[in-house]
Amino acid sequence: MVKRTECYVDTSAFIAFLDRSDSYHALFRRLFSAPPRLMTSALVVAEGHGWFLRRYDRNRATQFLAFLDALPDLSIKGFDVVELAKASEVAKKYADQKLTLADAHGIALIRESRIASCWSTDRHLSLGGVPLVI
């Protein structure tokens, strides 16, 4: 029997873990030291790669991708026209919030997969109805 994904990981959690200057670094270092089965979105990967590329350089952006490849139980959900429709529905429903498309896709995945928790420092991801680690 396949183990159920326990946690969705947002861009901010990856950044906090990999950037030692982040105020949440110690928390996410502890969480990533023995992670459960994790899920994220291809949009989160794109956001994270872009963040490290702009903030640092292409080497750090590549290191970010290598870190994701090394995580043993990370599932990365693709983003296609079907996923766009799901994310758009969430974004429209919460139009009063400053949700990125990546955030909206994360909320849709959390709900669809009935994920128990979300690693993020973005409080609006609690709209997914799951406990948020911040």
C-alpha atoms as a PDB file:
ATOM      1  CA  MET A   1       0.000   0.000   0.000  1.00  0.00           C
ATOM      2  CA  VAL A   2       1.338   3.426  -0.975  1.00  0.00           C
ATOM      3  CA  LYS A   3       1.848   5.805   1.915  1.00  0.00           C
ATOM      4  CA  ARG A   4      -0.302   8.914   1.766  1.00  0.00           C
ATOM      5  CA  THR A   5       1.335  12.300   1.212  1.00  0.00           C
ATOM      6  CA  GLU A   6       1.348  14.059   4.554  1.00  0.00           C
ATOM      7  CA  CYS A   7       2.519  17.551   3.726  1.00  0.00           C
ATOM      8  CA  TYR A   8       2.432  20.167   0.982  1.00  0.00           C
ATOM      9  CA  VAL A   9       5.570  22.324   0.698  1.00  0.00           C
ATOM     10  CA  ASP A  10       5.340  25.915  -0.474  1.00  0.00           C
ATOM     11  CA  THR A  11       8.137  27.994  -1.997  1.00  0.00           C
ATOM     12  CA  SER A  12       8.683  29.879   1.252  1.00  0.00           C
ATOM     13  CA  ALA A  13       9.528  26.685   3.141  1.00  0.00           C
ATOM     14  CA  PHE A  14      12.138  25.655   0.578  1.00  0.00           C
ATOM     15  CA  ILE A  15      13.646  29.148   0.673  1.00  0.00           C
ATOM     16  CA  ALA A  16      13.679  29.211   4.476  1.00  0.00           C
ATOM     17  CA  PHE A  17      15.494  25.894   4.589  1.00  0.00           C
ATOM     18  CA  LEU A  18      18.077  26.705   1.923  1.00  0.00           C
ATOM     19  CA  ASP A  19      18.739  30.351   2.840  1.00  0.00           C
ATOM     20  CA  ARG A  20      20.543  30.511   6.184  1.00  0.00           C
ATOM     21  CA  SER A  21      19.689  34.205   6.548  1.00  0.00           C
ATOM     22  CA  ASP A  22      15.941  33.446   6.615  1.00  0.00           C
ATOM     23  CA  SER A  23      14.323  33.942  10.024  1.00  0.00           C
ATOM     24  CA  TYR A  24      12.578  30.550   9.718  1.00  0.00           C
ATOM     25  CA  HIS A  25      15.742  28.651   8.718  1.00  0.00           C
ATOM     26  CA  ALA A  26      16.164  26.746  12.011  1.00  0.00           C
ATOM     27  CA  LEU A  27      12.537  25.562  11.984  1.00  0.00           C
ATOM     28  CA  PHE A  28      12.670  24.257   8.427  1.00  0.00           C
ATOM     29  CA  ARG A  29      16.145  22.763   8.921  1.00  0.00           C
ATOM     30  CA  ARG A  30      14.602  20.674  11.701  1.00  0.00           C
ATOM     31  CA  LEU A  31      11.559  19.715   9.602  1.00  0.00           C
ATOM     32  CA  PHE A  32      13.587  18.744   6.531  1.00  0.00           C
ATOM     33  CA  SER A  33      15.967  16.659   8.659  1.00  0.00           C
ATOM     34  CA  ALA A  34      13.370  13.855   8.786  1.00  0.00           C
ATOM     35  CA  PRO A  35      10.619  14.799   6.325  1.00  0.00           C
ATOM     36  CA  PRO A  36       7.404  12.852   5.801  1.00  0.00           C
ATOM     37  CA  ARG A  37       6.074  12.191   2.286  1.00  0.00           C
ATOM     38  CA  LEU A  38       5.967  15.612   0.643  1.00  0.00           C
ATOM     39  CA  MET A  39       4.156  17.168  -2.301  1.00  0.00           C
ATOM     40  CA  THR A  40       4.723  20.425  -4.129  1.00  0.00           C
ATOM     41  CA  SER A  41       3.730  22.013  -7.419  1.00  0.00           C
ATOM     42  CA  ALA A  42       5.750  22.577 -10.571  1.00  0.00           C
ATOM     43  CA  LEU A  43       4.841  26.244 -10.073  1.00  0.00           C
ATOM     44  CA  VAL A  44       6.572  26.193  -6.674  1.00  0.00           C
ATOM     45  CA  VAL A  45       9.656  24.749  -8.359  1.00  0.00           C
ATOM     46  CA  ALA A  46       9.551  27.552 -10.929  1.00  0.00           C
ATOM     47  CA  GLU A  47       9.078  30.216  -8.214  1.00  0.00           C
ATOM     48  CA  GLY A  48      11.912  28.827  -6.112  1.00  0.00           C
ATOM     49  CA  HIS A  49      14.296  28.526  -9.038  1.00  0.00           C
ATOM     50  CA  GLY A  50      13.512  32.108 -10.069  1.00  0.00           C
ATOM     51  CA  TRP A  51      13.948  33.389  -6.512  1.00  0.00           C
ATOM     52  CA  PHE A  52      17.421  31.862  -6.134  1.00  0.00           C
ATOM     53  CA  LEU A  53      18.396  32.996  -9.634  1.00  0.00           C
ATOM     54  CA  ARG A  54      17.373  36.618  -8.975  1.00  0.00           C
ATOM     55  CA  ARG A  55      18.496  36.795  -5.340  1.00  0.00           C
ATOM     56  CA  TYR A  56      21.815  34.982  -5.816  1.00  0.00           C
ATOM     57  CA  ASP A  57      22.935  33.449  -9.122  1.00  0.00           C
ATOM     58  CA  ARG A  58      22.476  30.505 -11.481  1.00  0.00           C
ATOM     59  CA  ASN A  59      24.623  28.264  -9.264  1.00  0.00           C
ATOM     60  CA  ARG A  60      22.274  28.687  -6.301  1.00  0.00           C
ATOM     61  CA  ALA A  61      19.278  28.176  -8.593  1.00  0.00           C
ATOM     62  CA  THR A  62      20.819  24.922  -9.811  1.00  0.00           C
ATOM     63  CA  GLN A  63      21.568  23.877  -6.213  1.00  0.00           C
ATOM     64  CA  PHE A  64      17.877  24.411  -5.427  1.00  0.00           C
ATOM     65  CA  LEU A  65      16.915  22.002  -8.226  1.00  0.00           C
ATOM     66  CA  ALA A  66      19.521  19.483  -7.027  1.00  0.00           C
ATOM     67  CA  PHE A  67      18.074  19.677  -3.506  1.00  0.00           C
ATOM     68  CA  LEU A  68      14.615  18.828  -4.839  1.00  0.00           C
ATOM     69  CA  ASP A  69      16.038  15.900  -6.801  1.00  0.00           C
ATOM     70  CA  ALA A  70      17.706  14.584  -3.622  1.00  0.00           C
ATOM     71  CA  LEU A  71      14.544  14.612  -1.487  1.00  0.00           C
ATOM     72  CA  PRO A  72      13.527  10.957  -1.250  1.00  0.00           C
ATOM     73  CA  ASP A  73       9.770  11.319  -0.821  1.00  0.00           C
ATOM     74  CA  LEU A  74       8.917  14.461  -2.790  1.00  0.00           C
ATOM     75  CA  SER A  75       6.145  14.359  -5.380  1.00  0.00           C
ATOM     76  CA  ILE A  76       6.038  17.294  -7.808  1.00  0.00           C
ATOM     77  CA  LYS A  77       2.639  17.799  -9.408  1.00  0.00           C
ATOM     78  CA  GLY A  78       2.627  19.094 -12.947  1.00  0.00           C
ATOM     79  CA  PHE A  79       0.748  22.143 -14.167  1.00  0.00           C
ATOM     80  CA  ASP A  80      -1.311  21.832 -17.320  1.00  0.00           C
ATOM     81  CA  VAL A  81      -4.593  23.234 -18.607  1.00  0.00           C
ATOM     82  CA  VAL A  82      -6.608  21.060 -16.177  1.00  0.00           C
ATOM     83  CA  GLU A  83      -4.536  22.246 -13.210  1.00  0.00           C
ATOM     84  CA  LEU A  84      -4.806  25.829 -14.472  1.00  0.00           C
ATOM     85  CA  ALA A  85      -8.589  25.560 -14.311  1.00  0.00           C
ATOM     86  CA  LYS A  86      -8.431  24.275 -10.712  1.00  0.00           C
ATOM     87  CA  ALA A  87      -5.999  26.994  -9.649  1.00  0.00           C
ATOM     88  CA  SER A  88      -8.021  29.697 -11.414  1.00  0.00           C
ATOM     89  CA  GLU A  89     -11.145  28.596  -9.573  1.00  0.00           C
ATOM     90  CA  VAL A  90      -9.347  28.948  -6.218  1.00  0.00           C
ATOM     91  CA  ALA A  91      -7.842  32.314  -7.192  1.00  0.00           C
ATOM     92  CA  LYS A  92     -11.270  33.646  -8.201  1.00  0.00           C
ATOM     93  CA  LYS A  93     -12.921  32.313  -5.051  1.00  0.00           C
ATOM     94  CA  TYR A  94     -10.358  34.134  -2.903  1.00  0.00           C
ATOM     95  CA  ALA A  95      -9.984  37.209  -5.102  1.00  0.00           C
ATOM     96  CA  ASP A  96      -9.829  39.362  -1.960  1.00  0.00           C
ATOM     97  CA  GLN A  97      -6.495  37.683  -1.045  1.00  0.00           C
ATOM     98  CA  LYS A  98      -3.116  38.240  -2.713  1.00  0.00           C
ATOM     99  CA  LEU A  99      -2.777  34.681  -4.006  1.00  0.00           C
ATOM    100  CA  THR A 100      -0.273  33.883  -6.713  1.00  0.00           C
ATOM    101  CA  LEU A 101      -1.210  31.195  -9.188  1.00  0.00           C
ATOM    102  CA  ALA A 102       1.304  28.941  -7.409  1.00  0.00           C
ATOM    103  CA  ASP A 103      -0.494  29.583  -4.100  1.00  0.00           C
ATOM    104  CA  ALA A 104      -3.874  28.852  -5.644  1.00  0.00           C
ATOM    105  CA  HIS A 105      -2.559  25.642  -7.205  1.00  0.00           C
ATOM    106  CA  GLY A 106      -1.147  24.610  -3.822  1.00  0.00           C
ATOM    107  CA  ILE A 107      -4.525  25.129  -2.168  1.00  0.00           C
ATOM    108  CA  ALA A 108      -6.232  23.100  -4.909  1.00  0.00           C
ATOM    109  CA  LEU A 109      -3.715  20.256  -4.461  1.00  0.00           C
ATOM    110  CA  ILE A 110      -4.063  20.311  -0.670  1.00  0.00           C
ATOM    111  CA  ARG A 111      -7.823  19.996  -0.945  1.00  0.00           C
ATOM    112  CA  GLU A 112      -7.839  17.436  -3.741  1.00  0.00           C
ATOM    113  CA  SER A 113      -5.260  15.191  -2.059  1.00  0.00           C
ATOM    114  CA  ARG A 114      -6.619  15.762   1.458  1.00  0.00           C
ATOM    115  CA  ILE A 115      -3.154  16.657   2.709  1.00  0.00           C
ATOM    116  CA  ALA A 116      -2.858  17.009   6.469  1.00  0.00           C
ATOM    117  CA  SER A 117      -0.430  19.945   6.735  1.00  0.00           C
ATOM    118  CA  CYS A 118       1.361  22.654   4.790  1.00  0.00           C
ATOM    119  CA  TRP A 119       4.920  23.878   5.265  1.00  0.00           C
ATOM    120  CA  SER A 120       4.891  27.571   4.454  1.00  0.00           C
ATOM    121  CA  THR A 121       5.499  30.989   5.937  1.00  0.00           C
ATOM    122  CA  ASP A 122       2.597  32.425   3.909  1.00  0.00           C
ATOM    123  CA  ARG A 123      -0.454  32.667   6.130  1.00  0.00           C
ATOM    124  CA  HIS A 124      -2.895  32.802   3.201  1.00  0.00           C
ATOM    125  CA  LEU A 125      -2.135  29.176   2.370  1.00  0.00           C
ATOM    126  CA  SER A 126      -4.194  28.283   5.428  1.00  0.00           C
ATOM    127  CA  LEU A 127      -7.154  28.842   3.086  1.00  0.00           C
ATOM    128  CA  GLY A 128      -6.489  25.242   2.113  1.00  0.00           C
ATOM    129  CA  GLY A 129      -8.043  24.335   5.444  1.00  0.00           C
ATOM    130  CA  VAL A 130      -4.969  22.551   6.817  1.00  0.00           C
ATOM    131  CA  PRO A 131      -2.612  23.346   9.675  1.00  0.00           C
ATOM    132  CA  LEU A 132       0.153  25.656   8.536  1.00  0.00           C
ATOM    133  CA  VAL A 133       3.724  25.367   9.821  1.00  0.00           C
ATOM    134  CA  ILE A 134       5.169  28.861  10.233  1.00  0.00           C
END
